[in-house]
Amino acid sequence: MDVRELGSALRARRRALNLTQSETADLADVSTRVLSDLENGRETVRLDILTAVAGALGMSLNLQVNTP
């Protein structure tokens, strides 16, 4: 999953829960700008932020590390 797909998945979940970006950002303790950038694939994904946003949306994360 690339950054844009990840952002789309987060946005879809937030909308399914009828949450605004502001409400979700408050729940995840991040700024609305960071959340917006993340949802739009413009933010470098920091694991702590991603974990907080996913948790606020009731989502779980699976980390996969690929070797070349």
C-alpha atoms as a PDB file:
ATOM      1  CA  MET A   1       0.000   0.000   0.000  1.00  0.00           C
ATOM      2  CA  ASP A   2       1.465   3.362  -0.952  1.00  0.00           C
ATOM      3  CA  VAL A   3       0.953   6.683   0.843  1.00  0.00           C
ATOM      4  CA  ARG A   4      -1.987   7.756  -1.339  1.00  0.00           C
ATOM      5  CA  GLU A   5      -3.812   4.446  -0.854  1.00  0.00           C
ATOM      6  CA  LEU A   6      -3.198   4.682   2.881  1.00  0.00           C
ATOM      7  CA  GLY A   7      -4.581   8.211   2.956  1.00  0.00           C
ATOM      8  CA  SER A   8      -7.645   7.153   0.993  1.00  0.00           C
ATOM      9  CA  ALA A   9      -8.289   4.276   3.400  1.00  0.00           C
ATOM     10  CA  LEU A  10      -8.037   6.589   6.409  1.00  0.00           C
ATOM     11  CA  ARG A  11     -10.364   9.144   4.804  1.00  0.00           C
ATOM     12  CA  ALA A  12     -12.913   6.469   3.901  1.00  0.00           C
ATOM     13  CA  ARG A  13     -12.925   5.124   7.464  1.00  0.00           C
ATOM     14  CA  ARG A  14     -13.253   8.621   8.939  1.00  0.00           C
ATOM     15  CA  ARG A  15     -16.184   9.378   6.657  1.00  0.00           C
ATOM     16  CA  ALA A  16     -17.809   6.021   7.424  1.00  0.00           C
ATOM     17  CA  LEU A  17     -17.697   7.001  11.095  1.00  0.00           C
ATOM     18  CA  ASN A  18     -19.197  10.423  10.244  1.00  0.00           C
ATOM     19  CA  LEU A  19     -16.233  12.221  11.775  1.00  0.00           C
ATOM     20  CA  THR A  20     -14.818  15.514  10.602  1.00  0.00           C
ATOM     21  CA  GLN A  21     -11.102  15.996  10.137  1.00  0.00           C
ATOM     22  CA  SER A  22     -11.135  18.265  13.172  1.00  0.00           C
ATOM     23  CA  GLU A  23     -12.840  15.655  15.365  1.00  0.00           C
ATOM     24  CA  THR A  24     -10.477  12.931  14.174  1.00  0.00           C
ATOM     25  CA  ALA A  25      -7.421  15.121  14.681  1.00  0.00           C
ATOM     26  CA  ASP A  26      -8.556  15.864  18.236  1.00  0.00           C
ATOM     27  CA  LEU A  27      -9.057  12.158  18.950  1.00  0.00           C
ATOM     28  CA  ALA A  28      -5.607  11.338  17.551  1.00  0.00           C
ATOM     29  CA  ASP A  29      -3.955  14.383  19.183  1.00  0.00           C
ATOM     30  CA  VAL A  30      -2.574  15.638  15.867  1.00  0.00           C
ATOM     31  CA  SER A  31      -3.223  18.845  13.955  1.00  0.00           C
ATOM     32  CA  THR A  32      -5.886  19.002  11.273  1.00  0.00           C
ATOM     33  CA  ARG A  33      -3.182  19.982   8.795  1.00  0.00           C
ATOM     34  CA  VAL A  34      -1.187  16.819   9.515  1.00  0.00           C
ATOM     35  CA  LEU A  35      -4.336  14.721   9.158  1.00  0.00           C
ATOM     36  CA  SER A  36      -5.288  16.458   5.915  1.00  0.00           C
ATOM     37  CA  ASP A  37      -1.790  15.989   4.498  1.00  0.00           C
ATOM     38  CA  LEU A  38      -1.845  12.330   5.532  1.00  0.00           C
ATOM     39  CA  GLU A  39      -5.254  11.731   3.935  1.00  0.00           C
ATOM     40  CA  ASN A  40      -4.064  13.388   0.723  1.00  0.00           C
ATOM     41  CA  GLY A  41      -0.764  11.535   0.509  1.00  0.00           C
ATOM     42  CA  ARG A  42       1.294  14.667   1.120  1.00  0.00           C
ATOM     43  CA  GLU A  43       2.618  13.766   4.549  1.00  0.00           C
ATOM     44  CA  THR A  44       5.606  11.588   5.226  1.00  0.00           C
ATOM     45  CA  VAL A  45       4.120   8.828   7.315  1.00  0.00           C
ATOM     46  CA  ARG A  46       5.521   8.814  10.828  1.00  0.00           C
ATOM     47  CA  LEU A  47       4.656   5.635  12.658  1.00  0.00           C
ATOM     48  CA  ASP A  48       3.547   7.414  15.846  1.00  0.00           C
ATOM     49  CA  ILE A  49       1.143   9.659  13.929  1.00  0.00           C
ATOM     50  CA  LEU A  50      -0.164   6.803  11.826  1.00  0.00           C
ATOM     51  CA  THR A  51      -0.709   4.699  14.945  1.00  0.00           C
ATOM     52  CA  ALA A  52      -2.572   7.546  16.656  1.00  0.00           C
ATOM     53  CA  VAL A  53      -4.831   8.236  13.668  1.00  0.00           C
ATOM     54  CA  ALA A  54      -5.539   4.557  13.063  1.00  0.00           C
ATOM     55  CA  GLY A  55      -6.355   4.076  16.739  1.00  0.00           C
ATOM     56  CA  ALA A  56      -8.697   7.063  16.736  1.00  0.00           C
ATOM     57  CA  LEU A  57     -10.508   5.487  13.791  1.00  0.00           C
ATOM     58  CA  GLY A  58     -10.657   2.018  15.376  1.00  0.00           C
ATOM     59  CA  MET A  59      -8.266   0.576  12.815  1.00  0.00           C
ATOM     60  CA  SER A  60      -5.329  -1.734  13.363  1.00  0.00           C
ATOM     61  CA  LEU A  61      -1.979  -1.653  11.595  1.00  0.00           C
ATOM     62  CA  ASN A  62       0.042  -4.489  10.148  1.00  0.00           C
ATOM     63  CA  LEU A  63       3.652  -3.714   9.364  1.00  0.00           C
ATOM     64  CA  GLN A  64       5.301  -5.536   6.515  1.00  0.00           C
ATOM     65  CA  VAL A  65       8.975  -5.116   5.743  1.00  0.00           C
ATOM     66  CA  ASN A  66      10.112  -6.137   2.299  1.00  0.00           C
ATOM     67  CA  THR A  67      13.684  -6.805   1.300  1.00  0.00           C
ATOM     68  CA  PRO A  68      14.911  -6.183  -2.215  1.00  0.00           C
END
